[in-house]
């Protein structure tokens, strides 16, 4: 077990297992009051974590937004967040609903590859291909409404001060949201995100939206997003290819600025668990599944 803990800590950039350890290594796990997840490293090699718990309760959330251009590492950053949360918290403590805006996303890569995690559900995975926009939106609306109803029932008798430690938390992740803003579905999707933000937070529901575009819907959400991630290099010395003539000066995926309400923007390099053919990602999934078996 010691070797496994050391290896997992190294994967998430944590210098000591005493700072972080997976949920199955705790002798008497207590229900968490916070949900920090290690996602990357600072330029000096210090671990970076994001806490999806609401800011008034000591976290960075309850909601977040991630922006970045093509091939900047948005999906990999979300993959890292999900893996870190699932390795740190038990299936009865957190659940994650993934909504993939790209209907052509490969089933064996990106967020789709996380379907085997016991904490994860992928919306629309059972819809026939090609996926119809109306069916996908209807499935999302029904799922969110069911979550709101069930959580309202289970938390109705719980004092508001104790609700964050009662029952599981749900993180809804929407990847490639810009692909959902079509001529037909923009208003409906915007309304769904707004319902999660306004109705979900008191019910231990969190929202994380990834997009290439700072659209009106994203602007609407920004005041409610306690943590904000912008992918890409923000080093002025790296901007040598301003006119786009040098095709060799690509920016390394995974570079980002991370900002929270309590801290100034800070540089971060997200981990890359899907590298090497997904070896690290798949090994983490296998370990989480093995320890989650009854």
C-alpha atoms as a PDB file:
ATOM      1  CA  UNK A   1       0.000   0.000   0.000  1.00  0.00           C
ATOM      2  CA  UNK A   2       2.857   2.390   0.829  1.00  0.00           C
ATOM      3  CA  UNK A   3       4.354   2.073  -2.653  1.00  0.00           C
ATOM      4  CA  UNK A   4       0.926   2.622  -4.201  1.00  0.00           C
ATOM      5  CA  UNK A   5       0.373   5.774  -2.136  1.00  0.00           C
ATOM      6  CA  UNK A   6       3.777   7.170  -3.047  1.00  0.00           C
ATOM      7  CA  UNK A   7       3.122   6.536  -6.736  1.00  0.00           C
ATOM      8  CA  UNK A   8      -0.333   8.104  -6.664  1.00  0.00           C
ATOM      9  CA  UNK A   9       0.957  11.137  -4.772  1.00  0.00           C
ATOM     10  CA  UNK A  10       3.645  11.577  -7.422  1.00  0.00           C
ATOM     11  CA  UNK A  11       1.021  11.423 -10.183  1.00  0.00           C
ATOM     12  CA  UNK A  12      -0.783  14.387  -8.647  1.00  0.00           C
ATOM     13  CA  UNK A  13       2.415  16.287  -7.872  1.00  0.00           C
ATOM     14  CA  UNK A  14       2.001  16.057  -4.115  1.00  0.00           C
ATOM     15  CA  UNK A  15       5.343  15.838  -2.305  1.00  0.00           C
ATOM     16  CA  UNK A  16       4.036  13.767   0.605  1.00  0.00           C
ATOM     17  CA  UNK A  17       1.234  11.262   1.097  1.00  0.00           C
ATOM     18  CA  UNK A  18       0.544  13.063   4.377  1.00  0.00           C
ATOM     19  CA  UNK A  19      -0.667  16.034   2.303  1.00  0.00           C
ATOM     20  CA  UNK A  20      -2.876  13.894   0.121  1.00  0.00           C
ATOM     21  CA  UNK A  21      -3.941  10.301   0.027  1.00  0.00           C
ATOM     22  CA  UNK A  22      -6.730   8.409  -1.772  1.00  0.00           C
ATOM     23  CA  UNK A  23      -9.952   7.729   0.087  1.00  0.00           C
ATOM     24  CA  UNK A  24      -9.259   4.017   0.506  1.00  0.00           C
ATOM     25  CA  UNK A  25      -6.090   4.737   2.514  1.00  0.00           C
ATOM     26  CA  UNK A  26      -7.911   6.464   5.377  1.00  0.00           C
ATOM     27  CA  UNK A  27      -8.532   4.231   8.379  1.00  0.00           C
ATOM     28  CA  UNK A  28     -11.662   6.068   9.502  1.00  0.00           C
ATOM     29  CA  UNK A  29     -12.780   8.383   6.709  1.00  0.00           C
ATOM     30  CA  UNK A  30     -15.010  11.247   7.751  1.00  0.00           C
ATOM     31  CA  UNK A  31     -17.429  12.982   5.438  1.00  0.00           C
ATOM     32  CA  UNK A  32     -15.449  15.822   3.877  1.00  0.00           C
ATOM     33  CA  UNK A  33     -16.214  19.447   4.638  1.00  0.00           C
ATOM     34  CA  UNK A  34     -14.254  20.449   1.527  1.00  0.00           C
ATOM     35  CA  UNK A  35     -13.514  18.934  -1.885  1.00  0.00           C
ATOM     36  CA  UNK A  36     -10.016  20.011  -2.929  1.00  0.00           C
ATOM     37  CA  UNK A  37      -8.573  18.228  -5.963  1.00  0.00           C
ATOM     38  CA  UNK A  38      -4.950  18.453  -7.072  1.00  0.00           C
ATOM     39  CA  UNK A  39      -4.813  19.338 -10.765  1.00  0.00           C
ATOM     40  CA  UNK A  40      -1.352  20.669 -11.629  1.00  0.00           C
ATOM     41  CA  UNK A  41       1.876  22.374 -10.635  1.00  0.00           C
ATOM     42  CA  UNK A  42       3.052  25.963 -10.351  1.00  0.00           C
ATOM     43  CA  UNK A  43       6.177  27.045 -12.287  1.00  0.00           C
ATOM     44  CA  UNK A  44       8.128  26.340  -9.068  1.00  0.00           C
ATOM     45  CA  UNK A  45       6.738  22.808  -8.810  1.00  0.00           C
ATOM     46  CA  UNK A  46       4.253  23.369  -5.989  1.00  0.00           C
ATOM     47  CA  UNK A  47       0.957  21.449  -6.253  1.00  0.00           C
ATOM     48  CA  UNK A  48      -2.161  23.357  -7.300  1.00  0.00           C
ATOM     49  CA  UNK A  49      -5.571  22.336  -6.016  1.00  0.00           C
ATOM     50  CA  UNK A  50      -9.123  23.499  -6.666  1.00  0.00           C
ATOM     51  CA  UNK A  51     -11.865  23.120  -4.065  1.00  0.00           C
ATOM     52  CA  UNK A  52     -15.337  22.877  -5.592  1.00  0.00           C
ATOM     53  CA  UNK A  53     -17.009  23.595  -2.243  1.00  0.00           C
ATOM     54  CA  UNK A  54     -18.757  26.962  -2.075  1.00  0.00           C
ATOM     55  CA  UNK A  55     -16.540  29.924  -1.228  1.00  0.00           C
ATOM     56  CA  UNK A  56     -18.598  30.942   1.857  1.00  0.00           C
ATOM     57  CA  UNK A  57     -17.848  27.459   3.226  1.00  0.00           C
ATOM     58  CA  UNK A  58     -14.120  27.783   2.640  1.00  0.00           C
ATOM     59  CA  UNK A  59     -13.848  26.419  -0.899  1.00  0.00           C
ATOM     60  CA  UNK A  60     -13.294  27.961  -4.317  1.00  0.00           C
ATOM     61  CA  UNK A  61     -16.720  27.151  -5.796  1.00  0.00           C
ATOM     62  CA  UNK A  62     -19.424  26.213  -6.012  1.00  0.00           C
ATOM     63  CA  UNK A  63     -19.127  26.743  -9.768  1.00  0.00           C
ATOM     64  CA  UNK A  64     -16.300  27.215 -12.241  1.00  0.00           C
ATOM     65  CA  UNK A  65     -15.543  28.022 -15.860  1.00  0.00           C
ATOM     66  CA  UNK A  66     -12.710  26.911 -18.139  1.00  0.00           C
ATOM     67  CA  UNK A  67     -11.839  28.746 -21.368  1.00  0.00           C
ATOM     68  CA  UNK A  68      -9.302  27.885 -24.042  1.00  0.00           C
ATOM     69  CA  UNK A  69      -8.699  27.553 -27.739  1.00  0.00           C
ATOM     70  CA  UNK A  70      -8.347  24.366 -29.784  1.00  0.00           C
ATOM     71  CA  UNK A  71      -5.676  21.932 -28.549  1.00  0.00           C
ATOM     72  CA  UNK A  72      -5.021  24.021 -25.433  1.00  0.00           C
ATOM     73  CA  UNK A  73      -5.767  21.109 -23.101  1.00  0.00           C
ATOM     74  CA  UNK A  74      -9.306  21.912 -21.912  1.00  0.00           C
ATOM     75  CA  UNK A  75     -10.593  18.342 -21.969  1.00  0.00           C
ATOM     76  CA  UNK A  76      -7.402  17.000 -20.405  1.00  0.00           C
ATOM     77  CA  UNK A  77      -7.717  19.555 -17.588  1.00  0.00           C
ATOM     78  CA  UNK A  78     -11.251  18.328 -16.929  1.00  0.00           C
ATOM     79  CA  UNK A  79     -10.030  14.726 -17.067  1.00  0.00           C
ATOM     80  CA  UNK A  80      -7.433  15.549 -14.423  1.00  0.00           C
ATOM     81  CA  UNK A  81     -10.036  17.209 -12.200  1.00  0.00           C
ATOM     82  CA  UNK A  82     -12.353  14.192 -12.436  1.00  0.00           C
ATOM     83  CA  UNK A  83      -9.600  11.652 -11.756  1.00  0.00           C
ATOM     84  CA  UNK A  84      -8.341  13.625  -8.775  1.00  0.00           C
ATOM     85  CA  UNK A  85     -11.810  13.957  -7.265  1.00  0.00           C
ATOM     86  CA  UNK A  86     -12.601  10.278  -7.812  1.00  0.00           C
ATOM     87  CA  UNK A  87      -9.297   9.194  -6.265  1.00  0.00           C
ATOM     88  CA  UNK A  88      -9.778  11.460  -3.252  1.00  0.00           C
ATOM     89  CA  UNK A  89     -13.473  10.981  -2.418  1.00  0.00           C
ATOM     90  CA  UNK A  90     -15.667   7.906  -2.160  1.00  0.00           C
ATOM     91  CA  UNK A  91     -18.555   7.211  -4.540  1.00  0.00           C
ATOM     92  CA  UNK A  92     -21.084   8.058  -1.816  1.00  0.00           C
ATOM     93  CA  UNK A  93     -19.402  11.429  -1.240  1.00  0.00           C
ATOM     94  CA  UNK A  94     -19.273  12.798  -4.772  1.00  0.00           C
ATOM     95  CA  UNK A  95     -20.838  12.001  -8.113  1.00  0.00           C
ATOM     96  CA  UNK A  96     -19.925  13.531 -11.446  1.00  0.00           C
ATOM     97  CA  UNK A  97     -22.224  13.994 -14.433  1.00  0.00           C
ATOM     98  CA  UNK A  98     -20.346  14.574 -17.691  1.00  0.00           C
ATOM     99  CA  UNK A  99     -22.064  16.322 -20.593  1.00  0.00           C
ATOM    100  CA  UNK A 100     -19.900  16.215 -23.726  1.00  0.00           C
ATOM    101  CA  UNK A 101     -20.821  18.888 -26.231  1.00  0.00           C
ATOM    102  CA  UNK A 102     -18.886  17.222 -29.054  1.00  0.00           C
ATOM    103  CA  UNK A 103     -21.084  14.476 -30.558  1.00  0.00           C
ATOM    104  CA  UNK A 104     -18.055  13.049 -32.365  1.00  0.00           C
ATOM    105  CA  UNK A 105     -15.852  12.675 -29.271  1.00  0.00           C
ATOM    106  CA  UNK A 106     -14.169   9.241 -29.317  1.00  0.00           C
ATOM    107  CA  UNK A 107     -15.529   6.759 -26.793  1.00  0.00           C
ATOM    108  CA  UNK A 108     -12.051   5.580 -25.778  1.00  0.00           C
ATOM    109  CA  UNK A 109     -10.478   8.973 -25.130  1.00  0.00           C
ATOM    110  CA  UNK A 110     -11.115  12.267 -23.384  1.00  0.00           C
ATOM    111  CA  UNK A 111     -13.965  12.411 -20.910  1.00  0.00           C
ATOM    112  CA  UNK A 112     -15.651   9.415 -22.520  1.00  0.00           C
ATOM    113  CA  UNK A 113     -12.805   7.229 -21.241  1.00  0.00           C
ATOM    114  CA  UNK A 114     -13.888   7.998 -17.657  1.00  0.00           C
ATOM    115  CA  UNK A 115     -17.192   6.149 -17.970  1.00  0.00           C
ATOM    116  CA  UNK A 116     -15.852   3.188 -15.979  1.00  0.00           C
ATOM    117  CA  UNK A 117     -15.329   5.261 -12.821  1.00  0.00           C
ATOM    118  CA  UNK A 118     -17.937   4.412 -10.159  1.00  0.00           C
ATOM    119  CA  UNK A 119     -18.552   8.114  -9.415  1.00  0.00           C
ATOM    120  CA  UNK A 120     -19.106   9.083 -13.068  1.00  0.00           C
ATOM    121  CA  UNK A 121     -22.126   9.116 -15.358  1.00  0.00           C
ATOM    122  CA  UNK A 122     -21.868  10.291 -18.967  1.00  0.00           C
ATOM    123  CA  UNK A 123     -25.047  11.836 -20.279  1.00  0.00           C
ATOM    124  CA  UNK A 124     -26.210  10.586 -23.640  1.00  0.00           C
ATOM    125  CA  UNK A 125     -23.862   7.603 -23.802  1.00  0.00           C
ATOM    126  CA  UNK A 126     -26.877   5.407 -24.515  1.00  0.00           C
ATOM    127  CA  UNK A 127     -28.316   7.632 -27.252  1.00  0.00           C
ATOM    128  CA  UNK A 128     -28.094   6.190 -30.766  1.00  0.00           C
ATOM    129  CA  UNK A 129     -25.629   7.702 -33.212  1.00  0.00           C
ATOM    130  CA  UNK A 130     -25.899  10.160 -34.816  1.00  0.00           C
ATOM    131  CA  UNK A 131     -27.031  11.974 -31.687  1.00  0.00           C
ATOM    132  CA  UNK A 132     -30.031  14.246 -32.192  1.00  0.00           C
ATOM    133  CA  UNK A 133     -29.851  17.670 -30.553  1.00  0.00           C
ATOM    134  CA  UNK A 134     -33.420  17.518 -29.281  1.00  0.00           C
ATOM    135  CA  UNK A 135     -32.933  14.093 -27.669  1.00  0.00           C
ATOM    136  CA  UNK A 136     -29.683  15.135 -26.013  1.00  0.00           C
ATOM    137  CA  UNK A 137     -31.168  18.334 -24.594  1.00  0.00           C
ATOM    138  CA  UNK A 138     -34.259  16.473 -23.362  1.00  0.00           C
ATOM    139  CA  UNK A 139     -32.069  13.898 -21.614  1.00  0.00           C
ATOM    140  CA  UNK A 140     -30.064  16.661 -19.921  1.00  0.00           C
ATOM    141  CA  UNK A 141     -33.165  18.542 -18.808  1.00  0.00           C
ATOM    142  CA  UNK A 142     -34.763  15.395 -17.398  1.00  0.00           C
ATOM    143  CA  UNK A 143     -31.620  14.329 -15.559  1.00  0.00           C
ATOM    144  CA  UNK A 144     -31.055  17.720 -13.930  1.00  0.00           C
ATOM    145  CA  UNK A 145     -34.703  18.015 -12.944  1.00  0.00           C
ATOM    146  CA  UNK A 146     -34.598  14.548 -11.359  1.00  0.00           C
ATOM    147  CA  UNK A 147     -31.490  15.526  -9.410  1.00  0.00           C
ATOM    148  CA  UNK A 148     -33.103  18.722  -8.129  1.00  0.00           C
ATOM    149  CA  UNK A 149     -36.222  16.855  -7.001  1.00  0.00           C
ATOM    150  CA  UNK A 150     -34.414  13.994  -5.285  1.00  0.00           C
ATOM    151  CA  UNK A 151     -31.957  16.280  -3.515  1.00  0.00           C
ATOM    152  CA  UNK A 152     -34.695  18.600  -2.380  1.00  0.00           C
ATOM    153  CA  UNK A 153     -36.538  15.637  -0.849  1.00  0.00           C
ATOM    154  CA  UNK A 154     -33.469  14.240   0.897  1.00  0.00           C
ATOM    155  CA  UNK A 155     -32.291  17.597   2.280  1.00  0.00           C
ATOM    156  CA  UNK A 156     -35.637  19.095   3.238  1.00  0.00           C
ATOM    157  CA  UNK A 157     -35.369  17.955   6.857  1.00  0.00           C
ATOM    158  CA  UNK A 158     -31.685  18.844   7.221  1.00  0.00           C
ATOM    159  CA  UNK A 159     -30.637  22.149   8.757  1.00  0.00           C
ATOM    160  CA  UNK A 160     -29.023  24.392   6.082  1.00  0.00           C
ATOM    161  CA  UNK A 161     -25.794  24.617   8.083  1.00  0.00           C
ATOM    162  CA  UNK A 162     -25.402  20.824   7.918  1.00  0.00           C
ATOM    163  CA  UNK A 163     -26.435  20.254   4.314  1.00  0.00           C
ATOM    164  CA  UNK A 164     -22.908  20.388   2.818  1.00  0.00           C
ATOM    165  CA  UNK A 165     -21.965  17.328   4.904  1.00  0.00           C
ATOM    166  CA  UNK A 166     -25.229  15.467   4.322  1.00  0.00           C
ATOM    167  CA  UNK A 167     -25.504  13.271   1.255  1.00  0.00           C
ATOM    168  CA  UNK A 168     -23.346  13.261  -1.832  1.00  0.00           C
ATOM    169  CA  UNK A 169     -22.311  16.273  -3.870  1.00  0.00           C
ATOM    170  CA  UNK A 170     -22.905  16.362  -7.625  1.00  0.00           C
ATOM    171  CA  UNK A 171     -20.500  18.054 -10.040  1.00  0.00           C
ATOM    172  CA  UNK A 172     -21.996  18.679 -13.482  1.00  0.00           C
ATOM    173  CA  UNK A 173     -19.251  19.145 -16.093  1.00  0.00           C
ATOM    174  CA  UNK A 174     -20.152  20.491 -19.533  1.00  0.00           C
ATOM    175  CA  UNK A 175     -17.284  20.108 -22.003  1.00  0.00           C
ATOM    176  CA  UNK A 176     -17.191  21.932 -25.359  1.00  0.00           C
ATOM    177  CA  UNK A 177     -20.227  23.987 -24.421  1.00  0.00           C
ATOM    178  CA  UNK A 178     -19.734  26.189 -27.498  1.00  0.00           C
ATOM    179  CA  UNK A 179     -20.806  23.229 -29.661  1.00  0.00           C
ATOM    180  CA  UNK A 180     -24.174  23.129 -27.894  1.00  0.00           C
ATOM    181  CA  UNK A 181     -24.947  26.763 -28.721  1.00  0.00           C
ATOM    182  CA  UNK A 182     -26.561  26.089 -32.068  1.00  0.00           C
ATOM    183  CA  UNK A 183     -29.269  28.083 -33.824  1.00  0.00           C
ATOM    184  CA  UNK A 184     -31.779  25.676 -32.341  1.00  0.00           C
ATOM    185  CA  UNK A 185     -30.616  25.012 -28.780  1.00  0.00           C
ATOM    186  CA  UNK A 186     -28.832  28.099 -27.438  1.00  0.00           C
ATOM    187  CA  UNK A 187     -31.653  29.451 -25.267  1.00  0.00           C
ATOM    188  CA  UNK A 188     -32.577  26.017 -23.916  1.00  0.00           C
ATOM    189  CA  UNK A 189     -29.032  25.132 -22.877  1.00  0.00           C
ATOM    190  CA  UNK A 190     -28.492  28.566 -21.368  1.00  0.00           C
ATOM    191  CA  UNK A 191     -31.650  28.136 -19.322  1.00  0.00           C
ATOM    192  CA  UNK A 192     -30.522  24.706 -18.124  1.00  0.00           C
ATOM    193  CA  UNK A 193     -27.161  26.022 -16.931  1.00  0.00           C
ATOM    194  CA  UNK A 194     -28.887  28.872 -15.151  1.00  0.00           C
ATOM    195  CA  UNK A 195     -31.199  26.445 -13.323  1.00  0.00           C
ATOM    196  CA  UNK A 196     -28.199  24.450 -12.098  1.00  0.00           C
ATOM    197  CA  UNK A 197     -26.577  27.623 -10.776  1.00  0.00           C
ATOM    198  CA  UNK A 198     -29.665  29.102  -9.132  1.00  0.00           C
ATOM    199  CA  UNK A 199     -31.365  25.951  -7.848  1.00  0.00           C
ATOM    200  CA  UNK A 200     -28.509  23.513  -7.487  1.00  0.00           C
ATOM    201  CA  UNK A 201     -26.052  25.268  -5.162  1.00  0.00           C
ATOM    202  CA  UNK A 202     -28.234  24.900  -2.027  1.00  0.00           C
ATOM    203  CA  UNK A 203     -28.660  21.217  -2.975  1.00  0.00           C
ATOM    204  CA  UNK A 204     -24.923  20.408  -3.133  1.00  0.00           C
ATOM    205  CA  UNK A 205     -24.840  20.692  -6.928  1.00  0.00           C
ATOM    206  CA  UNK A 206     -21.845  22.257  -8.666  1.00  0.00           C
ATOM    207  CA  UNK A 207     -21.311  23.325 -12.286  1.00  0.00           C
ATOM    208  CA  UNK A 208     -18.117  23.407 -14.360  1.00  0.00           C
ATOM    209  CA  UNK A 209     -18.381  24.651 -17.957  1.00  0.00           C
ATOM    210  CA  UNK A 210     -15.661  24.411 -20.602  1.00  0.00           C
ATOM    211  CA  UNK A 211     -15.825  26.454 -23.795  1.00  0.00           C
ATOM    212  CA  UNK A 212     -13.719  27.958 -26.554  1.00  0.00           C
ATOM    213  CA  UNK A 213     -15.851  31.091 -26.631  1.00  0.00           C
ATOM    214  CA  UNK A 214     -16.733  33.691 -24.012  1.00  0.00           C
ATOM    215  CA  UNK A 215     -20.351  33.580 -25.134  1.00  0.00           C
ATOM    216  CA  UNK A 216     -23.290  35.430 -23.534  1.00  0.00           C
ATOM    217  CA  UNK A 217     -24.111  32.269 -21.578  1.00  0.00           C
ATOM    218  CA  UNK A 218     -20.590  32.088 -20.142  1.00  0.00           C
ATOM    219  CA  UNK A 219     -20.672  35.802 -19.318  1.00  0.00           C
ATOM    220  CA  UNK A 220     -23.950  35.208 -17.486  1.00  0.00           C
ATOM    221  CA  UNK A 221     -22.299  32.505 -15.381  1.00  0.00           C
ATOM    222  CA  UNK A 222     -19.041  34.328 -14.594  1.00  0.00           C
ATOM    223  CA  UNK A 223     -20.287  36.268 -11.536  1.00  0.00           C
ATOM    224  CA  UNK A 224     -21.296  32.928  -9.999  1.00  0.00           C
ATOM    225  CA  UNK A 225     -18.033  31.101 -10.806  1.00  0.00           C
ATOM    226  CA  UNK A 226     -15.659  31.147  -7.862  1.00  0.00           C
ATOM    227  CA  UNK A 227     -12.805  29.628  -9.871  1.00  0.00           C
ATOM    228  CA  UNK A 228     -11.841  30.492 -13.429  1.00  0.00           C
ATOM    229  CA  UNK A 229      -9.297  28.757 -15.657  1.00  0.00           C
ATOM    230  CA  UNK A 230      -7.903  30.148 -18.912  1.00  0.00           C
ATOM    231  CA  UNK A 231      -5.840  27.661 -20.900  1.00  0.00           C
ATOM    232  CA  UNK A 232      -2.841  28.655 -23.002  1.00  0.00           C
ATOM    233  CA  UNK A 233       0.447  30.473 -22.556  1.00  0.00           C
ATOM    234  CA  UNK A 234       0.237  33.932 -20.999  1.00  0.00           C
ATOM    235  CA  UNK A 235       3.964  34.604 -21.211  1.00  0.00           C
ATOM    236  CA  UNK A 236       4.699  37.661 -23.385  1.00  0.00           C
ATOM    237  CA  UNK A 237       8.045  36.119 -24.342  1.00  0.00           C
ATOM    238  CA  UNK A 238       6.195  33.179 -25.907  1.00  0.00           C
ATOM    239  CA  UNK A 239       4.290  35.351 -28.387  1.00  0.00           C
ATOM    240  CA  UNK A 240       6.867  35.147 -31.188  1.00  0.00           C
ATOM    241  CA  UNK A 241       4.465  33.909 -33.851  1.00  0.00           C
ATOM    242  CA  UNK A 242       2.072  36.840 -33.849  1.00  0.00           C
ATOM    243  CA  UNK A 243       1.433  36.719 -37.599  1.00  0.00           C
ATOM    244  CA  UNK A 244       0.983  32.944 -37.633  1.00  0.00           C
ATOM    245  CA  UNK A 245       3.811  32.295 -40.100  1.00  0.00           C
ATOM    246  CA  UNK A 246       5.852  30.039 -37.805  1.00  0.00           C
ATOM    247  CA  UNK A 247       4.017  26.729 -37.572  1.00  0.00           C
ATOM    248  CA  UNK A 248       6.628  25.251 -35.237  1.00  0.00           C
ATOM    249  CA  UNK A 249       5.957  27.546 -32.277  1.00  0.00           C
ATOM    250  CA  UNK A 250       3.044  25.656 -30.794  1.00  0.00           C
ATOM    251  CA  UNK A 251       2.107  26.248 -27.178  1.00  0.00           C
ATOM    252  CA  UNK A 252       2.448  23.263 -24.882  1.00  0.00           C
ATOM    253  CA  UNK A 253      -1.036  21.978 -23.934  1.00  0.00           C
ATOM    254  CA  UNK A 254      -1.877  22.172 -20.256  1.00  0.00           C
ATOM    255  CA  UNK A 255      -0.523  25.656 -19.513  1.00  0.00           C
ATOM    256  CA  UNK A 256      -3.105  27.834 -17.799  1.00  0.00           C
ATOM    257  CA  UNK A 257      -3.921  30.708 -15.509  1.00  0.00           C
ATOM    258  CA  UNK A 258      -6.045  29.758 -12.506  1.00  0.00           C
ATOM    259  CA  UNK A 259      -7.930  32.415 -10.556  1.00  0.00           C
ATOM    260  CA  UNK A 260     -10.230  32.224  -7.554  1.00  0.00           C
ATOM    261  CA  UNK A 261     -12.170  34.840  -5.646  1.00  0.00           C
ATOM    262  CA  UNK A 262      -9.552  34.729  -2.881  1.00  0.00           C
ATOM    263  CA  UNK A 263      -6.383  34.681  -4.992  1.00  0.00           C
ATOM    264  CA  UNK A 264      -4.882  36.514  -7.943  1.00  0.00           C
ATOM    265  CA  UNK A 265      -4.446  34.607 -11.230  1.00  0.00           C
ATOM    266  CA  UNK A 266      -1.551  32.175 -10.977  1.00  0.00           C
ATOM    267  CA  UNK A 267       0.239  30.124 -13.609  1.00  0.00           C
ATOM    268  CA  UNK A 268      -0.343  26.388 -13.568  1.00  0.00           C
ATOM    269  CA  UNK A 269       0.587  23.404 -15.699  1.00  0.00           C
ATOM    270  CA  UNK A 270      -2.146  20.786 -15.591  1.00  0.00           C
ATOM    271  CA  UNK A 271      -1.239  17.129 -15.326  1.00  0.00           C
ATOM    272  CA  UNK A 272      -1.468  14.946 -18.433  1.00  0.00           C
ATOM    273  CA  UNK A 273      -2.927  11.596 -17.326  1.00  0.00           C
ATOM    274  CA  UNK A 274      -4.031  10.650 -20.859  1.00  0.00           C
ATOM    275  CA  UNK A 275      -0.481  10.725 -22.194  1.00  0.00           C
ATOM    276  CA  UNK A 276       1.457   7.615 -23.129  1.00  0.00           C
ATOM    277  CA  UNK A 277      -1.653   6.107 -24.669  1.00  0.00           C
ATOM    278  CA  UNK A 278      -3.689   6.750 -21.533  1.00  0.00           C
ATOM    279  CA  UNK A 279      -1.556   4.424 -19.398  1.00  0.00           C
ATOM    280  CA  UNK A 280      -1.659   6.561 -16.227  1.00  0.00           C
ATOM    281  CA  UNK A 281      -5.332   7.385 -16.680  1.00  0.00           C
ATOM    282  CA  UNK A 282      -6.298   3.758 -17.162  1.00  0.00           C
ATOM    283  CA  UNK A 283      -4.182   2.630 -14.200  1.00  0.00           C
ATOM    284  CA  UNK A 284      -5.886   5.185 -11.958  1.00  0.00           C
ATOM    285  CA  UNK A 285      -9.318   4.104 -13.153  1.00  0.00           C
ATOM    286  CA  UNK A 286      -8.470   0.454 -12.475  1.00  0.00           C
ATOM    287  CA  UNK A 287      -7.308   1.235  -8.927  1.00  0.00           C
ATOM    288  CA  UNK A 288     -10.344   3.344  -8.105  1.00  0.00           C
ATOM    289  CA  UNK A 289     -12.651   0.624  -9.427  1.00  0.00           C
ATOM    290  CA  UNK A 290     -10.832  -2.086  -7.486  1.00  0.00           C
ATOM    291  CA  UNK A 291     -11.124  -0.235  -4.187  1.00  0.00           C
ATOM    292  CA  UNK A 292     -14.761   0.694  -4.832  1.00  0.00           C
ATOM    293  CA  UNK A 293     -15.825  -2.950  -5.106  1.00  0.00           C
ATOM    294  CA  UNK A 294     -17.992  -4.073  -2.144  1.00  0.00           C
END
